[in-house]
Amino acid sequence: MRIGEIARRSGVSARALRYYEEQALLVPGRSPGGQREYTEDAVQRVRAIQQLYAAGLPSRRIAELLPCMDTDTTTDHQRAMLRAERDRIRAQIDELTATLARLDELVDAADRRGP
């Protein structure tokens, strides 16, 4: 599929797809005319990249971890990175949960006081 199609199906811009290519996160094939061509698997890969970005991982870290998804195997170093990222995200979730609880308390108190 061409870049416009994968952009539409994955929900990212063509510009983002080009950036992923620059960062070696996504490697499209090329048509005889030089146009990018993507496989069906690329849609899921782009979605995974988006999730990792949304979780705060930089492109360098994503590039190090993508081979885990491609081969279903990991090195000791990759497993350590995966654990570190999981722990970092878990800590963020805990902080957000505490913030949510505090906001709930403030809303409840405001509701009890009225306008």
PDB file of N, CA and C in Angstrom:
ATOM      1  N   MET A   1       0.845  -1.170   0.000  1.00  0.00           N
ATOM      2  CA  MET A   1       0.000   0.000   0.000  1.00  0.00           C
ATOM      3  C   MET A   1       0.891   1.234   0.000  1.00  0.00           C
ATOM      4  N   ARG A   2       0.376   2.315  -0.485  1.00  0.00           N
ATOM      5  CA  ARG A   2       1.125   3.574  -0.569  1.00  0.00           C
ATOM      6  C   ARG A   2       1.035   4.339   0.745  1.00  0.00           C
ATOM      7  N   ILE A   3       1.810   5.398   0.849  1.00  0.00           N
ATOM      8  CA  ILE A   3       1.918   6.145   2.096  1.00  0.00           C
ATOM      9  C   ILE A   3       0.583   6.750   2.538  1.00  0.00           C
ATOM     10  N   GLY A   4      -0.215   7.224   1.599  1.00  0.00           N
ATOM     11  CA  GLY A   4      -1.510   7.796   1.953  1.00  0.00           C
ATOM     12  C   GLY A   4      -2.445   6.774   2.567  1.00  0.00           C
ATOM     13  N   GLU A   5      -2.421   5.571   2.046  1.00  0.00           N
ATOM     14  CA  GLU A   5      -3.283   4.505   2.550  1.00  0.00           C
ATOM     15  C   GLU A   5      -2.870   4.082   3.961  1.00  0.00           C
ATOM     16  N   ILE A   6      -1.582   3.898   4.183  1.00  0.00           N
ATOM     17  CA  ILE A   6      -1.156   3.490   5.528  1.00  0.00           C
ATOM     18  C   ILE A   6      -1.382   4.633   6.513  1.00  0.00           C
ATOM     19  N   ALA A   7      -1.229   5.866   6.065  1.00  0.00           N
ATOM     20  CA  ALA A   7      -1.509   7.003   6.940  1.00  0.00           C
ATOM     21  C   ALA A   7      -2.974   6.979   7.367  1.00  0.00           C
ATOM     22  N   ARG A   8      -3.856   6.773   6.425  1.00  0.00           N
ATOM     23  CA  ARG A   8      -5.288   6.736   6.726  1.00  0.00           C
ATOM     24  C   ARG A   8      -5.624   5.579   7.661  1.00  0.00           C
ATOM     25  N   ARG A   9      -5.101   4.403   7.366  1.00  0.00           N
ATOM     26  CA  ARG A   9      -5.449   3.205   8.142  1.00  0.00           C
ATOM     27  C   ARG A   9      -4.825   3.189   9.533  1.00  0.00           C
ATOM     28  N   SER A  10      -3.680   3.813   9.680  1.00  0.00           N
ATOM     29  CA  SER A  10      -3.014   3.800  10.985  1.00  0.00           C
ATOM     30  C   SER A  10      -3.319   5.049  11.806  1.00  0.00           C
ATOM     31  N   GLY A  11      -3.894   6.048  11.162  1.00  0.00           N
ATOM     32  CA  GLY A  11      -4.273   7.256  11.888  1.00  0.00           C
ATOM     33  C   GLY A  11      -3.135   8.216  12.148  1.00  0.00           C
ATOM     34  N   VAL A  12      -2.070   8.120  11.367  1.00  0.00           N
ATOM     35  CA  VAL A  12      -0.960   9.066  11.509  1.00  0.00           C
ATOM     36  C   VAL A  12      -0.753   9.782  10.179  1.00  0.00           C
ATOM     37  N   SER A  13      -0.034  10.877  10.221  1.00  0.00           N
ATOM     38  CA  SER A  13       0.212  11.644   9.010  1.00  0.00           C
ATOM     39  C   SER A  13       1.313  11.011   8.170  1.00  0.00           C
ATOM     40  N   ALA A  14       1.307  11.347   6.897  1.00  0.00           N
ATOM     41  CA  ALA A  14       2.391  10.891   6.017  1.00  0.00           C
ATOM     42  C   ALA A  14       3.723  11.445   6.507  1.00  0.00           C
ATOM     43  N   ARG A  15       3.682  12.648   7.054  1.00  0.00           N
ATOM     44  CA  ARG A  15       4.909  13.249   7.595  1.00  0.00           C
ATOM     45  C   ARG A  15       5.466  12.398   8.741  1.00  0.00           C
ATOM     46  N   ALA A  16       4.570  11.923   9.626  1.00  0.00           N
ATOM     47  CA  ALA A  16       5.016  11.069  10.725  1.00  0.00           C
ATOM     48  C   ALA A  16       5.622   9.774  10.190  1.00  0.00           C
ATOM     49  N   LEU A  17       5.016   9.216   9.155  1.00  0.00           N
ATOM     50  CA  LEU A  17       5.555   7.984   8.565  1.00  0.00           C
ATOM     51  C   LEU A  17       6.947   8.221   7.993  1.00  0.00           C
ATOM     52  N   ARG A  18       7.149   9.357   7.353  1.00  0.00           N
ATOM     53  CA  ARG A  18       8.490   9.683   6.837  1.00  0.00           C
ATOM     54  C   ARG A  18       9.495   9.829   7.986  1.00  0.00           C
ATOM     55  N   TYR A  19       9.044  10.430   9.078  1.00  0.00           N
ATOM     56  CA  TYR A  19       9.905  10.568  10.255  1.00  0.00           C
ATOM     57  C   TYR A  19      10.278   9.193  10.798  1.00  0.00           C
ATOM     58  N   TYR A  20       9.301   8.296  10.900  1.00  0.00           N
ATOM     59  CA  TYR A  20       9.583   6.944  11.369  1.00  0.00           C
ATOM     60  C   TYR A  20      10.623   6.279  10.476  1.00  0.00           C
ATOM     61  N   GLU A  21      10.518   6.532   9.193  1.00  0.00           N
ATOM     62  CA  GLU A  21      11.500   5.973   8.258  1.00  0.00           C
ATOM     63  C   GLU A  21      12.882   6.568   8.526  1.00  0.00           C
ATOM     64  N   GLU A  22      12.959   7.876   8.734  1.00  0.00           N
ATOM     65  CA  GLU A  22      14.240   8.533   9.030  1.00  0.00           C
ATOM     66  C   GLU A  22      14.880   7.963  10.295  1.00  0.00           C
ATOM     67  N   GLN A  23      14.032   7.598  11.261  1.00  0.00           N
ATOM     68  CA  GLN A  23      14.519   7.067  12.532  1.00  0.00           C
ATOM     69  C   GLN A  23      14.739   5.552  12.495  1.00  0.00           C
ATOM     70  N   ALA A  24      14.541   4.949  11.327  1.00  0.00           N
ATOM     71  CA  ALA A  24      14.702   3.493  11.129  1.00  0.00           C
ATOM     72  C   ALA A  24      13.697   2.684  11.951  1.00  0.00           C
ATOM     73  N   LEU A  25      12.534   3.272  12.230  1.00  0.00           N
ATOM     74  CA  LEU A  25      11.481   2.563  12.945  1.00  0.00           C
ATOM     75  C   LEU A  25      10.573   1.815  11.982  1.00  0.00           C
ATOM     76  N   LEU A  26      10.534   2.278  10.755  1.00  0.00           N
ATOM     77  CA  LEU A  26       9.666   1.716   9.727  1.00  0.00           C
ATOM     78  C   LEU A  26      10.457   1.711   8.425  1.00  0.00           C
ATOM     79  N   VAL A  27      10.510   0.567   7.775  1.00  0.00           N
ATOM     80  CA  VAL A  27      11.299   0.458   6.553  1.00  0.00           C
ATOM     81  C   VAL A  27      10.389  -0.014   5.414  1.00  0.00           C
ATOM     82  N   PRO A  28       9.896   0.940   4.630  1.00  0.00           N
ATOM     83  CA  PRO A  28       9.030   0.548   3.516  1.00  0.00           C
ATOM     84  C   PRO A  28       9.849   0.023   2.350  1.00  0.00           C
ATOM     85  N   GLY A  29       9.182  -0.754   1.508  1.00  0.00           N
ATOM     86  CA  GLY A  29       9.803  -1.130   0.253  1.00  0.00           C
ATOM     87  C   GLY A  29       9.698   0.050  -0.710  1.00  0.00           C
ATOM     88  N   ARG A  30      10.211  -0.132  -1.893  1.00  0.00           N
ATOM     89  CA  ARG A  30      10.127   0.918  -2.909  1.00  0.00           C
ATOM     90  C   ARG A  30       9.627   0.317  -4.208  1.00  0.00           C
ATOM     91  N   SER A  31       8.773   1.061  -4.881  1.00  0.00           N
ATOM     92  CA  SER A  31       8.289   0.646  -6.196  1.00  0.00           C
ATOM     93  C   SER A  31       9.386   0.931  -7.216  1.00  0.00           C
ATOM     94  N   PRO A  32       9.272   0.398  -8.420  1.00  0.00           N
ATOM     95  CA  PRO A  32      10.268   0.708  -9.448  1.00  0.00           C
ATOM     96  C   PRO A  32      10.399   2.220  -9.690  1.00  0.00           C
ATOM     97  N   GLY A  33       9.315   2.961  -9.427  1.00  0.00           N
ATOM     98  CA  GLY A  33       9.349   4.417  -9.580  1.00  0.00           C
ATOM     99  C   GLY A  33       9.848   5.140  -8.347  1.00  0.00           C
ATOM    100  N   GLY A  34      10.207   4.408  -7.305  1.00  0.00           N
ATOM    101  CA  GLY A  34      10.765   5.006  -6.101  1.00  0.00           C
ATOM    102  C   GLY A  34       9.746   5.370  -5.035  1.00  0.00           C
ATOM    103  N   GLN A  35       8.473   5.060  -5.253  1.00  0.00           N
ATOM    104  CA  GLN A  35       7.463   5.372  -4.243  1.00  0.00           C
ATOM    105  C   GLN A  35       7.509   4.362  -3.104  1.00  0.00           C
ATOM    106  N   ARG A  36       7.213   4.852  -1.913  1.00  0.00           N
ATOM    107  CA  ARG A  36       7.174   3.967  -0.751  1.00  0.00           C
ATOM    108  C   ARG A  36       6.023   2.974  -0.885  1.00  0.00           C
ATOM    109  N   GLU A  37       6.302   1.736  -0.507  1.00  0.00           N
ATOM    110  CA  GLU A  37       5.274   0.695  -0.493  1.00  0.00           C
ATOM    111  C   GLU A  37       5.345  -0.011   0.853  1.00  0.00           C
ATOM    112  N   TYR A  38       4.178  -0.128   1.497  1.00  0.00           N
ATOM    113  CA  TYR A  38       4.097  -0.713   2.824  1.00  0.00           C
ATOM    114  C   TYR A  38       3.318  -2.014   2.786  1.00  0.00           C
ATOM    115  N   THR A  39       3.697  -2.930   3.650  1.00  0.00           N
ATOM    116  CA  THR A  39       2.971  -4.195   3.782  1.00  0.00           C
ATOM    117  C   THR A  39       1.821  -4.005   4.766  1.00  0.00           C
ATOM    118  N   GLU A  40       0.955  -4.968   4.809  1.00  0.00           N
ATOM    119  CA  GLU A  40      -0.166  -4.953   5.755  1.00  0.00           C
ATOM    120  C   GLU A  40       0.344  -4.904   7.195  1.00  0.00           C
ATOM    121  N   ASP A  41       1.442  -5.588   7.484  1.00  0.00           N
ATOM    122  CA  ASP A  41       2.008  -5.607   8.834  1.00  0.00           C
ATOM    123  C   ASP A  41       2.440  -4.223   9.306  1.00  0.00           C
ATOM    124  N   ALA A  42       2.729  -3.339   8.370  1.00  0.00           N
ATOM    125  CA  ALA A  42       3.201  -2.003   8.730  1.00  0.00           C
ATOM    126  C   ALA A  42       2.144  -1.219   9.506  1.00  0.00           C
ATOM    127  N   VAL A  43       0.872  -1.482   9.260  1.00  0.00           N
ATOM    128  CA  VAL A  43      -0.190  -0.775   9.978  1.00  0.00           C
ATOM    129  C   VAL A  43      -0.079  -1.061  11.475  1.00  0.00           C
ATOM    130  N   GLN A  44       0.074  -2.319  11.837  1.00  0.00           N
ATOM    131  CA  GLN A  44       0.207  -2.682  13.255  1.00  0.00           C
ATOM    132  C   GLN A  44       1.501  -2.140  13.848  1.00  0.00           C
ATOM    133  N   ARG A  45       2.557  -2.144  13.067  1.00  0.00           N
ATOM    134  CA  ARG A  45       3.828  -1.618  13.553  1.00  0.00           C
ATOM    135  C   ARG A  45       3.693  -0.130  13.855  1.00  0.00           C
ATOM    136  N   VAL A  46       3.045   0.616  12.963  1.00  0.00           N
ATOM    137  CA  VAL A  46       2.856   2.048  13.178  1.00  0.00           C
ATOM    138  C   VAL A  46       2.024   2.281  14.440  1.00  0.00           C
ATOM    139  N   ARG A  47       0.996   1.494  14.632  1.00  0.00           N
ATOM    140  CA  ARG A  47       0.175   1.628  15.846  1.00  0.00           C
ATOM    141  C   ARG A  47       1.000   1.351  17.099  1.00  0.00           C
ATOM    142  N   ALA A  48       1.867   0.351  17.029  1.00  0.00           N
ATOM    143  CA  ALA A  48       2.727   0.040  18.174  1.00  0.00           C
ATOM    144  C   ALA A  48       3.704   1.189  18.444  1.00  0.00           C
ATOM    145  N   ILE A  49       4.264   1.749  17.385  1.00  0.00           N
ATOM    146  CA  ILE A  49       5.175   2.892  17.530  1.00  0.00           C
ATOM    147  C   ILE A  49       4.432   4.049  18.190  1.00  0.00           C
ATOM    148  N   GLN A  50       3.211   4.302  17.752  1.00  0.00           N
ATOM    149  CA  GLN A  50       2.404   5.381  18.327  1.00  0.00           C
ATOM    150  C   GLN A  50       2.152   5.152  19.808  1.00  0.00           C
ATOM    151  N   GLN A  51       1.854   3.919  20.189  1.00  0.00           N
ATOM    152  CA  GLN A  51       1.627   3.612  21.606  1.00  0.00           C
ATOM    153  C   GLN A  51       2.886   3.873  22.430  1.00  0.00           C
ATOM    154  N   LEU A  52       4.016   3.456  21.900  1.00  0.00           N
ATOM    155  CA  LEU A  52       5.271   3.651  22.621  1.00  0.00           C
ATOM    156  C   LEU A  52       5.614   5.137  22.743  1.00  0.00           C
ATOM    157  N   TYR A  53       5.395   5.903  21.682  1.00  0.00           N
ATOM    158  CA  TYR A  53       5.587   7.358  21.765  1.00  0.00           C
ATOM    159  C   TYR A  53       4.649   7.959  22.801  1.00  0.00           C
ATOM    160  N   ALA A  54       3.386   7.558  22.782  1.00  0.00           N
ATOM    161  CA  ALA A  54       2.400   8.094  23.724  1.00  0.00           C
ATOM    162  C   ALA A  54       2.784   7.774  25.164  1.00  0.00           C
ATOM    163  N   ALA A  55       3.486   6.680  25.360  1.00  0.00           N
ATOM    164  CA  ALA A  55       3.930   6.287  26.698  1.00  0.00           C
ATOM    165  C   ALA A  55       5.205   7.018  27.109  1.00  0.00           C
ATOM    166  N   GLY A  56       5.727   7.850  26.212  1.00  0.00           N
ATOM    167  CA  GLY A  56       6.888   8.664  26.565  1.00  0.00           C
ATOM    168  C   GLY A  56       8.234   8.116  26.139  1.00  0.00           C
ATOM    169  N   LEU A  57       8.254   7.057  25.344  1.00  0.00           N
ATOM    170  CA  LEU A  57       9.536   6.516  24.900  1.00  0.00           C
ATOM    171  C   LEU A  57      10.076   7.346  23.738  1.00  0.00           C
ATOM    172  N   PRO A  58      11.352   7.666  23.765  1.00  0.00           N
ATOM    173  CA  PRO A  58      11.953   8.385  22.629  1.00  0.00           C
ATOM    174  C   PRO A  58      12.205   7.427  21.459  1.00  0.00           C
ATOM    175  N   SER A  59      12.363   7.990  20.281  1.00  0.00           N
ATOM    176  CA  SER A  59      12.545   7.152  19.090  1.00  0.00           C
ATOM    177  C   SER A  59      13.766   6.245  19.197  1.00  0.00           C
ATOM    178  N   ARG A  60      14.814   6.713  19.843  1.00  0.00           N
ATOM    179  CA  ARG A  60      16.018   5.877  20.004  1.00  0.00           C
ATOM    180  C   ARG A  60      15.693   4.615  20.793  1.00  0.00           C
ATOM    181  N   ARG A  61      14.920   4.766  21.863  1.00  0.00           N
ATOM    182  CA  ARG A  61      14.548   3.611  22.684  1.00  0.00           C
ATOM    183  C   ARG A  61      13.602   2.687  21.929  1.00  0.00           C
ATOM    184  N   ILE A  62      12.668   3.283  21.202  1.00  0.00           N
ATOM    185  CA  ILE A  62      11.731   2.485  20.405  1.00  0.00           C
ATOM    186  C   ILE A  62      12.503   1.646  19.394  1.00  0.00           C
ATOM    187  N   ALA A  63      13.489   2.258  18.749  1.00  0.00           N
ATOM    188  CA  ALA A  63      14.293   1.529  17.758  1.00  0.00           C
ATOM    189  C   ALA A  63      15.017   0.343  18.391  1.00  0.00           C
ATOM    190  N   GLU A  64      15.423   0.497  19.635  1.00  0.00           N
ATOM    191  CA  GLU A  64      16.098  -0.599  20.324  1.00  0.00           C
ATOM    192  C   GLU A  64      15.135  -1.727  20.700  1.00  0.00           C
ATOM    193  N   LEU A  65      13.864  -1.376  20.909  1.00  0.00           N
ATOM    194  CA  LEU A  65      12.903  -2.371  21.374  1.00  0.00           C
ATOM    195  C   LEU A  65      12.095  -3.024  20.257  1.00  0.00           C
ATOM    196  N   LEU A  66      11.991  -2.398  19.101  1.00  0.00           N
ATOM    197  CA  LEU A  66      11.200  -2.965  18.010  1.00  0.00           C
ATOM    198  C   LEU A  66      11.644  -4.368  17.585  1.00  0.00           C
ATOM    199  N   PRO A  67      12.920  -4.669  17.605  1.00  0.00           N
ATOM    200  CA  PRO A  67      13.311  -6.041  17.244  1.00  0.00           C
ATOM    201  C   PRO A  67      12.664  -7.099  18.144  1.00  0.00           C
ATOM    202  N   CYS A  68      12.327  -6.748  19.374  1.00  0.00           N
ATOM    203  CA  CYS A  68      11.632  -7.692  20.260  1.00  0.00           C
ATOM    204  C   CYS A  68      10.292  -8.085  19.661  1.00  0.00           C
ATOM    205  N   MET A  69       9.623  -7.125  19.054  1.00  0.00           N
ATOM    206  CA  MET A  69       8.328  -7.391  18.440  1.00  0.00           C
ATOM    207  C   MET A  69       8.488  -8.155  17.132  1.00  0.00           C
ATOM    208  N   ASP A  70       9.561  -7.889  16.434  1.00  0.00           N
ATOM    209  CA  ASP A  70       9.771  -8.520  15.132  1.00  0.00           C
ATOM    210  C   ASP A  70      10.136  -9.991  15.237  1.00  0.00           C
ATOM    211  N   THR A  71      10.904 -10.329  16.257  1.00  0.00           N
ATOM    212  CA  THR A  71      11.435 -11.698  16.350  1.00  0.00           C
ATOM    213  C   THR A  71      10.875 -12.502  17.513  1.00  0.00           C
ATOM    214  N   ASP A  72      10.162 -11.845  18.415  1.00  0.00           N
ATOM    215  CA  ASP A  72       9.663 -12.507  19.631  1.00  0.00           C
ATOM    216  C   ASP A  72      10.804 -13.068  20.474  1.00  0.00           C
ATOM    217  N   THR A  73      11.983 -12.501  20.316  1.00  0.00           N
ATOM    218  CA  THR A  73      13.117 -12.877  21.163  1.00  0.00           C
ATOM    219  C   THR A  73      13.723 -11.592  21.718  1.00  0.00           C
ATOM    220  N   THR A  74      14.402 -11.726  22.837  1.00  0.00           N
ATOM    221  CA  THR A  74      15.025 -10.560  23.453  1.00  0.00           C
ATOM    222  C   THR A  74      16.403 -10.915  23.981  1.00  0.00           C
ATOM    223  N   THR A  75      17.225  -9.903  24.052  1.00  0.00           N
ATOM    224  CA  THR A  75      18.525 -10.044  24.698  1.00  0.00           C
ATOM    225  C   THR A  75      18.364  -9.624  26.161  1.00  0.00           C
ATOM    226  N   ASP A  76      19.366  -9.883  26.959  1.00  0.00           N
ATOM    227  CA  ASP A  76      19.334  -9.445  28.356  1.00  0.00           C
ATOM    228  C   ASP A  76      19.166  -7.930  28.424  1.00  0.00           C
ATOM    229  N   HIS A  77      19.875  -7.228  27.568  1.00  0.00           N
ATOM    230  CA  HIS A  77      19.799  -5.758  27.537  1.00  0.00           C
ATOM    231  C   HIS A  77      18.379  -5.299  27.187  1.00  0.00           C
ATOM    232  N   GLN A  78      17.764  -5.917  26.203  1.00  0.00           N
ATOM    233  CA  GLN A  78      16.404  -5.537  25.818  1.00  0.00           C
ATOM    234  C   GLN A  78      15.408  -5.826  26.944  1.00  0.00           C
ATOM    235  N   ARG A  79      15.565  -6.965  27.604  1.00  0.00           N
ATOM    236  CA  ARG A  79      14.666  -7.286  28.716  1.00  0.00           C
ATOM    237  C   ARG A  79      14.810  -6.266  29.838  1.00  0.00           C
ATOM    238  N   ALA A  80      16.034  -5.835  30.086  1.00  0.00           N
ATOM    239  CA  ALA A  80      16.253  -4.808  31.119  1.00  0.00           C
ATOM    240  C   ALA A  80      15.587  -3.491  30.711  1.00  0.00           C
ATOM    241  N   MET A  81      15.683  -3.127  29.436  1.00  0.00           N
ATOM    242  CA  MET A  81      15.020  -1.912  28.957  1.00  0.00           C
ATOM    243  C   MET A  81      13.509  -2.035  29.066  1.00  0.00           C
ATOM    244  N   LEU A  82      12.973  -3.178  28.681  1.00  0.00           N
ATOM    245  CA  LEU A  82      11.528  -3.391  28.770  1.00  0.00           C
ATOM    246  C   LEU A  82      11.055  -3.257  30.215  1.00  0.00           C
ATOM    247  N   ARG A  83      11.781  -3.845  31.137  1.00  0.00           N
ATOM    248  CA  ARG A  83      11.406  -3.753  32.547  1.00  0.00           C
ATOM    249  C   ARG A  83      11.499  -2.316  33.048  1.00  0.00           C
ATOM    250  N   ALA A  84      12.552  -1.625  32.651  1.00  0.00           N
ATOM    251  CA  ALA A  84      12.726  -0.233  33.087  1.00  0.00           C
ATOM    252  C   ALA A  84      11.597   0.651  32.567  1.00  0.00           C
ATOM    253  N   GLU A  85      11.226   0.463  31.321  1.00  0.00           N
ATOM    254  CA  GLU A  85      10.135   1.252  30.751  1.00  0.00           C
ATOM    255  C   GLU A  85       8.803   0.891  31.400  1.00  0.00           C
ATOM    256  N   ARG A  86       8.580  -0.394  31.625  1.00  0.00           N
ATOM    257  CA  ARG A  86       7.360  -0.826  32.308  1.00  0.00           C
ATOM    258  C   ARG A  86       7.272  -0.191  33.696  1.00  0.00           C
ATOM    259  N   ASP A  87       8.385  -0.195  34.427  1.00  0.00           N
ATOM    260  CA  ASP A  87       8.397   0.368  35.772  1.00  0.00           C
ATOM    261  C   ASP A  87       8.177   1.884  35.735  1.00  0.00           C
ATOM    262  N   ARG A  88       8.753   2.552  34.759  1.00  0.00           N
ATOM    263  CA  ARG A  88       8.577   3.996  34.618  1.00  0.00           C
ATOM    264  C   ARG A  88       7.112   4.322  34.336  1.00  0.00           C
ATOM    265  N   ILE A  89       6.496   3.564  33.439  1.00  0.00           N
ATOM    266  CA  ILE A  89       5.090   3.795  33.098  1.00  0.00           C
ATOM    267  C   ILE A  89       4.199   3.474  34.292  1.00  0.00           C
ATOM    268  N   ARG A  90       4.510   2.412  35.008  1.00  0.00           N
ATOM    269  CA  ARG A  90       3.725   2.065  36.198  1.00  0.00           C
ATOM    270  C   ARG A  90       3.791   3.196  37.231  1.00  0.00           C
ATOM    271  N   ALA A  91       4.969   3.788  37.401  1.00  0.00           N
ATOM    272  CA  ALA A  91       5.116   4.908  38.342  1.00  0.00           C
ATOM    273  C   ALA A  91       4.289   6.108  37.882  1.00  0.00           C
ATOM    274  N   GLN A  92       4.261   6.350  36.570  1.00  0.00           N
ATOM    275  CA  GLN A  92       3.426   7.439  36.041  1.00  0.00           C
ATOM    276  C   GLN A  92       1.951   7.170  36.310  1.00  0.00           C
ATOM    277  N   ILE A  93       1.534   5.938  36.111  1.00  0.00           N
ATOM    278  CA  ILE A  93       0.141   5.572  36.368  1.00  0.00           C
ATOM    279  C   ILE A  93      -0.194   5.794  37.841  1.00  0.00           C
ATOM    280  N   ASP A  94       0.704   5.408  38.731  1.00  0.00           N
ATOM    281  CA  ASP A  94       0.475   5.606  40.167  1.00  0.00           C
ATOM    282  C   ASP A  94       0.336   7.088  40.497  1.00  0.00           C
ATOM    283  N   GLU A  95       1.211   7.913  39.904  1.00  0.00           N
ATOM    284  CA  GLU A  95       1.134   9.355  40.129  1.00  0.00           C
ATOM    285  C   GLU A  95      -0.171   9.927  39.592  1.00  0.00           C
ATOM    286  N   LEU A  96      -0.564   9.495  38.403  1.00  0.00           N
ATOM    287  CA  LEU A  96      -1.814   9.973  37.820  1.00  0.00           C
ATOM    288  C   LEU A  96      -3.022   9.513  38.633  1.00  0.00           C
ATOM    289  N   THR A  97      -2.972   8.301  39.139  1.00  0.00           N
ATOM    290  CA  THR A  97      -4.058   7.794  39.971  1.00  0.00           C
ATOM    291  C   THR A  97      -4.185   8.625  41.245  1.00  0.00           C
ATOM    292  N   ALA A  98      -3.060   8.969  41.861  1.00  0.00           N
ATOM    293  CA  ALA A  98      -3.085   9.807  43.062  1.00  0.00           C
ATOM    294  C   ALA A  98      -3.618  11.199  42.734  1.00  0.00           C
ATOM    295  N   THR A  99      -3.214  11.741  41.598  1.00  0.00           N
ATOM    296  CA  THR A  99      -3.716  13.052  41.178  1.00  0.00           C
ATOM    297  C   THR A  99      -5.207  13.000  40.917  1.00  0.00           C
ATOM    298  N   LEU A 100      -5.669  11.945  40.277  1.00  0.00           N
ATOM    299  CA  LEU A 100      -7.097  11.770  40.020  1.00  0.00           C
ATOM    300  C   LEU A 100      -7.882  11.707  41.329  1.00  0.00           C
ATOM    301  N   ALA A 101      -7.371  10.976  42.297  1.00  0.00           N
ATOM    302  CA  ALA A 101      -8.042  10.873  43.589  1.00  0.00           C
ATOM    303  C   ALA A 101      -8.120  12.246  44.258  1.00  0.00           C
ATOM    304  N   ARG A 102      -7.057  13.012  44.177  1.00  0.00           N
ATOM    305  CA  ARG A 102      -7.054  14.363  44.762  1.00  0.00           C
ATOM    306  C   ARG A 102      -8.073  15.252  44.057  1.00  0.00           C
ATOM    307  N   LEU A 103      -8.137  15.179  42.741  1.00  0.00           N
ATOM    308  CA  LEU A 103      -9.116  15.971  41.994  1.00  0.00           C
ATOM    309  C   LEU A 103     -10.539  15.548  42.339  1.00  0.00           C
ATOM    310  N   ASP A 104     -10.761  14.254  42.503  1.00  0.00           N
ATOM    311  CA  ASP A 104     -12.081  13.770  42.916  1.00  0.00           C
ATOM    312  C   ASP A 104     -12.479  14.373  44.263  1.00  0.00           C
ATOM    313  N   GLU A 105     -11.522  14.431  45.189  1.00  0.00           N
ATOM    314  CA  GLU A 105     -11.795  15.037  46.497  1.00  0.00           C
ATOM    315  C   GLU A 105     -12.174  16.508  46.350  1.00  0.00           C
ATOM    316  N   LEU A 106     -11.449  17.216  45.495  1.00  0.00           N
ATOM    317  CA  LEU A 106     -11.736  18.638  45.292  1.00  0.00           C
ATOM    318  C   LEU A 106     -13.110  18.842  44.656  1.00  0.00           C
ATOM    319  N   VAL A 107     -13.442  18.014  43.692  1.00  0.00           N
ATOM    320  CA  VAL A 107     -14.754  18.104  43.039  1.00  0.00           C
ATOM    321  C   VAL A 107     -15.856  17.805  44.059  1.00  0.00           C
ATOM    322  N   ASP A 108     -15.676  16.752  44.838  1.00  0.00           N
ATOM    323  CA  ASP A 108     -16.682  16.408  45.853  1.00  0.00           C
ATOM    324  C   ASP A 108     -16.866  17.541  46.851  1.00  0.00           C
ATOM    325  N   ALA A 109     -15.761  18.127  47.303  1.00  0.00           N
ATOM    326  CA  ALA A 109     -15.850  19.232  48.256  1.00  0.00           C
ATOM    327  C   ALA A 109     -16.547  20.427  47.623  1.00  0.00           C
ATOM    328  N   ALA A 110     -16.227  20.721  46.382  1.00  0.00           N
ATOM    329  CA  ALA A 110     -16.873  21.844  45.681  1.00  0.00           C
ATOM    330  C   ALA A 110     -18.352  21.584  45.506  1.00  0.00           C
ATOM    331  N   ASP A 111     -18.714  20.352  45.179  1.00  0.00           N
ATOM    332  CA  ASP A 111     -20.128  20.007  45.016  1.00  0.00           C
ATOM    333  C   ASP A 111     -20.891  20.151  46.325  1.00  0.00           C
ATOM    334  N   ARG A 112     -20.277  19.785  47.427  1.00  0.00           N
ATOM    335  CA  ARG A 112     -20.945  19.904  48.735  1.00  0.00           C
ATOM    336  C   ARG A 112     -21.160  21.369  49.113  1.00  0.00           C
ATOM    337  N   ARG A 113     -20.223  22.230  48.758  1.00  0.00           N
ATOM    338  CA  ARG A 113     -20.348  23.654  49.058  1.00  0.00           C
ATOM    339  C   ARG A 113     -21.367  24.334  48.148  1.00  0.00           C
ATOM    340  N   GLY A 114     -21.523  23.808  46.947  1.00  0.00           N
ATOM    341  CA  GLY A 114     -22.463  24.399  45.985  1.00  0.00           C
ATOM    342  C   GLY A 114     -21.851  25.599  45.269  1.00  0.00           C
ATOM    343  N   PRO A 115     -22.706  26.313  44.519  1.00  0.00           N
ATOM    344  CA  PRO A 115     -22.188  27.448  43.701  1.00  0.00           C
ATOM    345  C   PRO A 115     -21.636  28.575  44.488  1.00  0.00           C
TER     346      PRO A 115
END
